[in-house]
PDB file of N, CA and C in Angstrom:
ATOM      1  N   MET A   1     -26.820 -52.635 -37.611  1.00  0.00           N
ATOM      2  CA  MET A   1     -26.962 -52.112 -38.951  1.00  0.00           C
ATOM      3  C   MET A   1     -25.802 -51.181 -39.246  1.00  0.00           C
ATOM      4  N   PHE A   2     -25.276 -51.244 -40.456  1.00  0.00           N
ATOM      5  CA  PHE A   2     -24.139 -50.427 -40.823  1.00  0.00           C
ATOM      6  C   PHE A   2     -24.447 -49.637 -42.088  1.00  0.00           C
ATOM      7  N   THR A   3     -23.602 -48.656 -42.371  1.00  0.00           N
ATOM      8  CA  THR A   3     -23.801 -47.770 -43.505  1.00  0.00           C
ATOM      9  C   THR A   3     -22.868 -48.158 -44.634  1.00  0.00           C
ATOM     10  N   LEU A   4     -23.399 -48.224 -45.840  1.00  0.00           N
ATOM     11  CA  LEU A   4     -22.601 -48.524 -47.025  1.00  0.00           C
ATOM     12  C   LEU A   4     -22.569 -47.302 -47.932  1.00  0.00           C
ATOM     13  N   LYS A   5     -21.435 -47.104 -48.585  1.00  0.00           N
ATOM     14  CA  LYS A   5     -21.311 -46.037 -49.566  1.00  0.00           C
ATOM     15  C   LYS A   5     -21.705 -46.600 -50.928  1.00  0.00           C
ATOM     16  N   ILE A   6     -22.611 -45.914 -51.606  1.00  0.00           N
ATOM     17  CA  ILE A   6     -22.994 -46.332 -52.956  1.00  0.00           C
ATOM     18  C   ILE A   6     -22.822 -45.151 -53.895  1.00  0.00           C
ATOM     19  N   ASN A   7     -22.531 -45.440 -55.149  1.00  0.00           N
ATOM     20  CA  ASN A   7     -22.339 -44.362 -56.111  1.00  0.00           C
ATOM     21  C   ASN A   7     -23.694 -43.880 -56.642  1.00  0.00           C
ATOM     22  N   ASN A   8     -23.668 -42.778 -57.371  1.00  0.00           N
ATOM     23  CA  ASN A   8     -24.909 -42.167 -57.871  1.00  0.00           C
ATOM     24  C   ASN A   8     -25.632 -43.070 -58.857  1.00  0.00           C
ATOM     25  N   ASN A   9     -24.879 -43.795 -59.665  1.00  0.00           N
ATOM     26  CA  ASN A   9     -25.480 -44.689 -60.646  1.00  0.00           C
ATOM     27  C   ASN A   9     -26.303 -45.776 -59.966  1.00  0.00           C
ATOM     28  N   LEU A  10     -25.738 -46.405 -58.943  1.00  0.00           N
ATOM     29  CA  LEU A  10     -26.464 -47.445 -58.211  1.00  0.00           C
ATOM     30  C   LEU A  10     -27.661 -46.851 -57.473  1.00  0.00           C
ATOM     31  N   SER A  11     -27.497 -45.670 -56.927  1.00  0.00           N
ATOM     32  CA  SER A  11     -28.598 -45.002 -56.230  1.00  0.00           C
ATOM     33  C   SER A  11     -29.778 -44.786 -57.165  1.00  0.00           C
ATOM     34  N   ARG A  12     -29.499 -44.320 -58.361  1.00  0.00           N
ATOM     35  CA  ARG A  12     -30.548 -44.083 -59.359  1.00  0.00           C
ATOM     36  C   ARG A  12     -31.223 -45.390 -59.754  1.00  0.00           C
ATOM     37  N   LYS A  13     -30.428 -46.449 -59.939  1.00  0.00           N
ATOM     38  CA  LYS A  13     -30.988 -47.748 -60.308  1.00  0.00           C
ATOM     39  C   LYS A  13     -31.898 -48.287 -59.210  1.00  0.00           C
ATOM     40  N   LEU A  14     -31.493 -48.122 -57.953  1.00  0.00           N
ATOM     41  CA  LEU A  14     -32.303 -48.623 -56.840  1.00  0.00           C
ATOM     42  C   LEU A  14     -33.634 -47.888 -56.729  1.00  0.00           C
ATOM     43  N   GLN A  15     -33.642 -46.613 -57.034  1.00  0.00           N
ATOM     44  CA  GLN A  15     -34.870 -45.834 -56.926  1.00  0.00           C
ATOM     45  C   GLN A  15     -35.849 -46.125 -58.052  1.00  0.00           C
ATOM     46  N   THR A  16     -35.355 -46.541 -59.217  1.00  0.00           N
ATOM     47  CA  THR A  16     -36.233 -46.707 -60.372  1.00  0.00           C
ATOM     48  C   THR A  16     -36.502 -48.159 -60.756  1.00  0.00           C
ATOM     49  N   THR A  17     -35.878 -49.118 -60.100  1.00  0.00           N
ATOM     50  CA  THR A  17     -36.008 -50.512 -60.504  1.00  0.00           C
ATOM     51  C   THR A  17     -37.351 -51.116 -60.099  1.00  0.00           C
ATOM     52  N   ASN A  18     -37.751 -52.129 -60.848  1.00  0.00           N
ATOM     53  CA  ASN A  18     -38.934 -52.918 -60.504  1.00  0.00           C
ATOM     54  C   ASN A  18     -38.546 -54.279 -59.949  1.00  0.00           C
ATOM     55  N   LYS A  19     -37.259 -54.509 -59.772  1.00  0.00           N
ATOM     56  CA  LYS A  19     -36.768 -55.784 -59.240  1.00  0.00           C
ATOM     57  C   LYS A  19     -37.031 -55.851 -57.738  1.00  0.00           C
ATOM     58  N   GLY A  20     -36.990 -57.058 -57.193  1.00  0.00           N
ATOM     59  CA  GLY A  20     -37.322 -57.244 -55.793  1.00  0.00           C
ATOM     60  C   GLY A  20     -36.153 -57.272 -54.838  1.00  0.00           C
ATOM     61  N   PHE A  21     -34.962 -57.670 -55.331  1.00  0.00           N
ATOM     62  CA  PHE A  21     -33.813 -57.858 -54.442  1.00  0.00           C
ATOM     63  C   PHE A  21     -32.542 -57.313 -55.079  1.00  0.00           C
ATOM     64  N   ILE A  22     -31.590 -56.940 -54.209  1.00  0.00           N
ATOM     65  CA  ILE A  22     -30.231 -56.655 -54.637  1.00  0.00           C
ATOM     66  C   ILE A  22     -29.330 -57.649 -53.923  1.00  0.00           C
ATOM     67  N   CYS A  23     -28.535 -58.362 -54.699  1.00  0.00           N
ATOM     68  CA  CYS A  23     -27.516 -59.263 -54.165  1.00  0.00           C
ATOM     69  C   CYS A  23     -26.184 -58.581 -54.391  1.00  0.00           C
ATOM     70  N   TYR A  24     -25.307 -58.577 -53.384  1.00  0.00           N
ATOM     71  CA  TYR A  24     -24.082 -57.798 -53.511  1.00  0.00           C
ATOM     72  C   TYR A  24     -22.916 -58.407 -52.747  1.00  0.00           C
ATOM     73  N   ASN A  25     -21.704 -58.038 -53.184  1.00  0.00           N
ATOM     74  CA  ASN A  25     -20.451 -58.330 -52.501  1.00  0.00           C
ATOM     75  C   ASN A  25     -19.868 -57.009 -52.032  1.00  0.00           C
ATOM     76  N   LEU A  26     -19.193 -57.040 -50.894  1.00  0.00           N
ATOM     77  CA  LEU A  26     -18.580 -55.833 -50.344  1.00  0.00           C
ATOM     78  C   LEU A  26     -17.081 -55.813 -50.625  1.00  0.00           C
ATOM     79  N   THR A  27     -16.487 -54.615 -50.562  1.00  0.00           N
ATOM     80  CA  THR A  27     -15.044 -54.471 -50.701  1.00  0.00           C
ATOM     81  C   THR A  27     -14.357 -55.035 -49.463  1.00  0.00           C
ATOM     82  N   GLN A  28     -13.037 -55.081 -49.474  1.00  0.00           N
ATOM     83  CA  GLN A  28     -12.275 -55.640 -48.343  1.00  0.00           C
ATOM     84  C   GLN A  28     -12.514 -54.876 -47.045  1.00  0.00           C
ATOM     85  N   ASP A  29     -12.644 -53.551 -47.128  1.00  0.00           N
ATOM     86  CA  ASP A  29     -12.871 -52.771 -45.904  1.00  0.00           C
ATOM     87  C   ASP A  29     -14.342 -52.739 -45.495  1.00  0.00           C
ATOM     88  N   ARG A  30     -15.208 -53.385 -46.285  1.00  0.00           N
ATOM     89  CA  ARG A  30     -16.618 -53.582 -45.981  1.00  0.00           C
ATOM     90  C   ARG A  30     -17.400 -52.275 -45.840  1.00  0.00           C
ATOM     91  N   THR A  31     -17.020 -51.257 -46.627  1.00  0.00           N
ATOM     92  CA  THR A  31     -17.729 -49.986 -46.584  1.00  0.00           C
ATOM     93  C   THR A  31     -18.406 -49.646 -47.900  1.00  0.00           C
ATOM     94  N   GLN A  32     -18.080 -50.367 -48.982  1.00  0.00           N
ATOM     95  CA  GLN A  32     -18.666 -50.085 -50.287  1.00  0.00           C
ATOM     96  C   GLN A  32     -19.107 -51.374 -50.957  1.00  0.00           C
ATOM     97  N   ILE A  33     -20.077 -51.238 -51.837  1.00  0.00           N
ATOM     98  CA  ILE A  33     -20.539 -52.387 -52.623  1.00  0.00           C
ATOM     99  C   ILE A  33     -19.595 -52.561 -53.799  1.00  0.00           C
ATOM    100  N   ASP A  34     -19.023 -53.748 -53.918  1.00  0.00           N
ATOM    101  CA  ASP A  34     -18.051 -54.042 -54.966  1.00  0.00           C
ATOM    102  C   ASP A  34     -18.739 -54.505 -56.245  1.00  0.00           C
ATOM    103  N   SER A  35     -19.590 -55.514 -56.137  1.00  0.00           N
ATOM    104  CA  SER A  35     -20.347 -56.019 -57.282  1.00  0.00           C
ATOM    105  C   SER A  35     -21.763 -56.319 -56.819  1.00  0.00           C
ATOM    106  N   TYR A  36     -22.711 -56.236 -57.742  1.00  0.00           N
ATOM    107  CA  TYR A  36     -24.111 -56.428 -57.371  1.00  0.00           C
ATOM    108  C   TYR A  36     -24.915 -56.881 -58.576  1.00  0.00           C
ATOM    109  N   ILE A  37     -26.112 -57.373 -58.294  1.00  0.00           N
ATOM    110  CA  ILE A  37     -27.084 -57.677 -59.335  1.00  0.00           C
ATOM    111  C   ILE A  37     -28.468 -57.391 -58.763  1.00  0.00           C
ATOM    112  N   LEU A  38     -29.325 -56.793 -59.570  1.00  0.00           N
ATOM    113  CA  LEU A  38     -30.723 -56.560 -59.210  1.00  0.00           C
ATOM    114  C   LEU A  38     -31.529 -57.704 -59.809  1.00  0.00           C
ATOM    115  N   THR A  39     -32.342 -58.367 -58.999  1.00  0.00           N
ATOM    116  CA  THR A  39     -33.030 -59.564 -59.477  1.00  0.00           C
ATOM    117  C   THR A  39     -34.367 -59.765 -58.787  1.00  0.00           C
ATOM    118  N   ASN A  40     -35.219 -60.526 -59.423  1.00  0.00           N
ATOM    119  CA  ASN A  40     -36.438 -61.018 -58.791  1.00  0.00           C
ATOM    120  C   ASN A  40     -36.252 -62.453 -58.314  1.00  0.00           C
ATOM    121  N   ASP A  41     -35.218 -63.122 -58.824  1.00  0.00           N
ATOM    122  CA  ASP A  41     -34.971 -64.529 -58.537  1.00  0.00           C
ATOM    123  C   ASP A  41     -33.864 -64.665 -57.494  1.00  0.00           C
ATOM    124  N   LEU A  42     -34.224 -64.494 -56.232  1.00  0.00           N
ATOM    125  CA  LEU A  42     -33.250 -64.554 -55.150  1.00  0.00           C
ATOM    126  C   LEU A  42     -32.620 -65.936 -55.037  1.00  0.00           C
ATOM    127  N   TYR A  43     -33.384 -66.973 -55.267  1.00  0.00           N
ATOM    128  CA  TYR A  43     -32.887 -68.337 -55.128  1.00  0.00           C
ATOM    129  C   TYR A  43     -31.709 -68.604 -56.061  1.00  0.00           C
ATOM    130  N   ARG A  44     -31.733 -68.048 -57.254  1.00  0.00           N
ATOM    131  CA  ARG A  44     -30.676 -68.283 -58.243  1.00  0.00           C
ATOM    132  C   ARG A  44     -29.359 -67.628 -57.847  1.00  0.00           C
ATOM    133  N   TYR A  45     -29.392 -66.432 -57.240  1.00  0.00           N
ATOM    134  CA  TYR A  45     -28.187 -65.641 -57.027  1.00  0.00           C
ATOM    135  C   TYR A  45     -27.691 -65.580 -55.590  1.00  0.00           C
ATOM    136  N   LYS A  46     -28.446 -66.031 -54.608  1.00  0.00           N
ATOM    137  CA  LYS A  46     -28.038 -65.810 -53.220  1.00  0.00           C
ATOM    138  C   LYS A  46     -26.762 -66.550 -52.837  1.00  0.00           C
ATOM    139  N   ASN A  47     -26.406 -67.624 -53.509  1.00  0.00           N
ATOM    140  CA  ASN A  47     -25.172 -68.335 -53.200  1.00  0.00           C
ATOM    141  C   ASN A  47     -23.959 -67.748 -53.903  1.00  0.00           C
ATOM    142  N   ARG A  48     -24.160 -66.883 -54.882  1.00  0.00           N
ATOM    143  CA  ARG A  48     -23.052 -66.268 -55.621  1.00  0.00           C
ATOM    144  C   ARG A  48     -22.569 -64.966 -54.980  1.00  0.00           C
ATOM    145  N   PHE A  49     -23.346 -64.410 -54.055  1.00  0.00           N
ATOM    146  CA  PHE A  49     -23.020 -63.131 -53.437  1.00  0.00           C
ATOM    147  C   PHE A  49     -23.024 -63.276 -51.922  1.00  0.00           C
ATOM    148  N   GLU A  50     -22.300 -62.362 -51.247  1.00  0.00           N
ATOM    149  CA  GLU A  50     -22.195 -62.395 -49.782  1.00  0.00           C
ATOM    150  C   GLU A  50     -23.511 -62.076 -49.088  1.00  0.00           C
ATOM    151  N   SER A  51     -24.205 -61.067 -49.598  1.00  0.00           N
ATOM    152  CA  SER A  51     -25.392 -60.550 -48.912  1.00  0.00           C
ATOM    153  C   SER A  51     -26.485 -60.218 -49.912  1.00  0.00           C
ATOM    154  N   PHE A  52     -27.689 -60.067 -49.386  1.00  0.00           N
ATOM    155  CA  PHE A  52     -28.804 -59.615 -50.209  1.00  0.00           C
ATOM    156  C   PHE A  52     -29.744 -58.800 -49.338  1.00  0.00           C
ATOM    157  N   LYS A  53     -30.552 -57.984 -49.988  1.00  0.00           N
ATOM    158  CA  LYS A  53     -31.515 -57.161 -49.270  1.00  0.00           C
ATOM    159  C   LYS A  53     -32.702 -56.899 -50.174  1.00  0.00           C
ATOM    160  N   ALA A  54     -33.879 -56.793 -49.582  1.00  0.00           N
ATOM    161  CA  ALA A  54     -35.083 -56.456 -50.337  1.00  0.00           C
ATOM    162  C   ALA A  54     -35.043 -54.978 -50.718  1.00  0.00           C
ATOM    163  N   ILE A  55     -35.300 -54.688 -51.960  1.00  0.00           N
ATOM    164  CA  ILE A  55     -35.224 -53.312 -52.454  1.00  0.00           C
ATOM    165  C   ILE A  55     -36.323 -52.448 -51.845  1.00  0.00           C
ATOM    166  N   SER A  56     -37.447 -53.043 -51.494  1.00  0.00           N
ATOM    167  CA  SER A  56     -38.513 -52.261 -50.858  1.00  0.00           C
ATOM    168  C   SER A  56     -38.036 -51.662 -49.530  1.00  0.00           C
ATOM    169  N   CYS A  57     -37.188 -52.356 -48.801  1.00  0.00           N
ATOM    170  CA  CYS A  57     -36.628 -51.821 -47.553  1.00  0.00           C
ATOM    171  C   CYS A  57     -35.664 -50.674 -47.834  1.00  0.00           C
ATOM    172  N   ILE A  58     -34.894 -50.785 -48.898  1.00  0.00           N
ATOM    173  CA  ILE A  58     -33.936 -49.746 -49.257  1.00  0.00           C
ATOM    174  C   ILE A  58     -34.666 -48.485 -49.707  1.00  0.00           C
ATOM    175  N   LYS A  59     -35.738 -48.639 -50.482  1.00  0.00           N
ATOM    176  CA  LYS A  59     -36.481 -47.476 -50.972  1.00  0.00           C
ATOM    177  C   LYS A  59     -37.070 -46.679 -49.814  1.00  0.00           C
ATOM    178  N   LYS A  60     -37.475 -47.328 -48.745  1.00  0.00           N
ATOM    179  CA  LYS A  60     -38.005 -46.622 -47.576  1.00  0.00           C
ATOM    180  C   LYS A  60     -36.913 -45.789 -46.910  1.00  0.00           C
ATOM    181  N   GLN A  61     -35.665 -46.278 -46.931  1.00  0.00           N
ATOM    182  CA  GLN A  61     -34.560 -45.567 -46.283  1.00  0.00           C
ATOM    183  C   GLN A  61     -34.068 -44.378 -47.096  1.00  0.00           C
ATOM    184  N   PHE A  62     -34.369 -44.319 -48.399  1.00  0.00           N
ATOM    185  CA  PHE A  62     -33.950 -43.175 -49.195  1.00  0.00           C
ATOM    186  C   PHE A  62     -34.599 -41.885 -48.723  1.00  0.00           C
ATOM    187  N   ASN A  63     -35.721 -41.950 -48.056  1.00  0.00           N
ATOM    188  CA  ASN A  63     -36.387 -40.748 -47.557  1.00  0.00           C
ATOM    189  C   ASN A  63     -35.626 -40.109 -46.415  1.00  0.00           C
ATOM    190  N   THR A  64     -34.751 -40.855 -45.738  1.00  0.00           N
ATOM    191  CA  THR A  64     -34.047 -40.325 -44.578  1.00  0.00           C
ATOM    192  C   THR A  64     -32.585 -39.988 -44.869  1.00  0.00           C
ATOM    193  N   ILE A  65     -32.150 -40.111 -46.107  1.00  0.00           N
ATOM    194  CA  ILE A  65     -30.756 -39.852 -46.462  1.00  0.00           C
ATOM    195  C   ILE A  65     -30.519 -38.350 -46.542  1.00  0.00           C
ATOM    196  N   THR A  66     -29.411 -37.907 -45.957  1.00  0.00           N
ATOM    197  CA  THR A  66     -28.997 -36.505 -46.064  1.00  0.00           C
ATOM    198  C   THR A  66     -27.686 -36.451 -46.822  1.00  0.00           C
ATOM    199  N   PHE A  67     -27.525 -35.427 -47.625  1.00  0.00           N
ATOM    200  CA  PHE A  67     -26.314 -35.278 -48.437  1.00  0.00           C
ATOM    201  C   PHE A  67     -25.443 -34.175 -47.894  1.00  0.00           C
TER     202      PHE A  67
END
């Protein structure tokens, strides 16, 4: 498992969304999310992006983030 840097806007969207998945592409150095989409329809978008993750798993990890 690795750590990704996300901006405040994306962080806020992830905490408040009702969508089920985030599909995303990473930057060249693979440390930041370059482009993403929040969706309930994983089948439609999973071939357009490098990776995907269930948002319910991400919301659980927000409790352990330190700033």
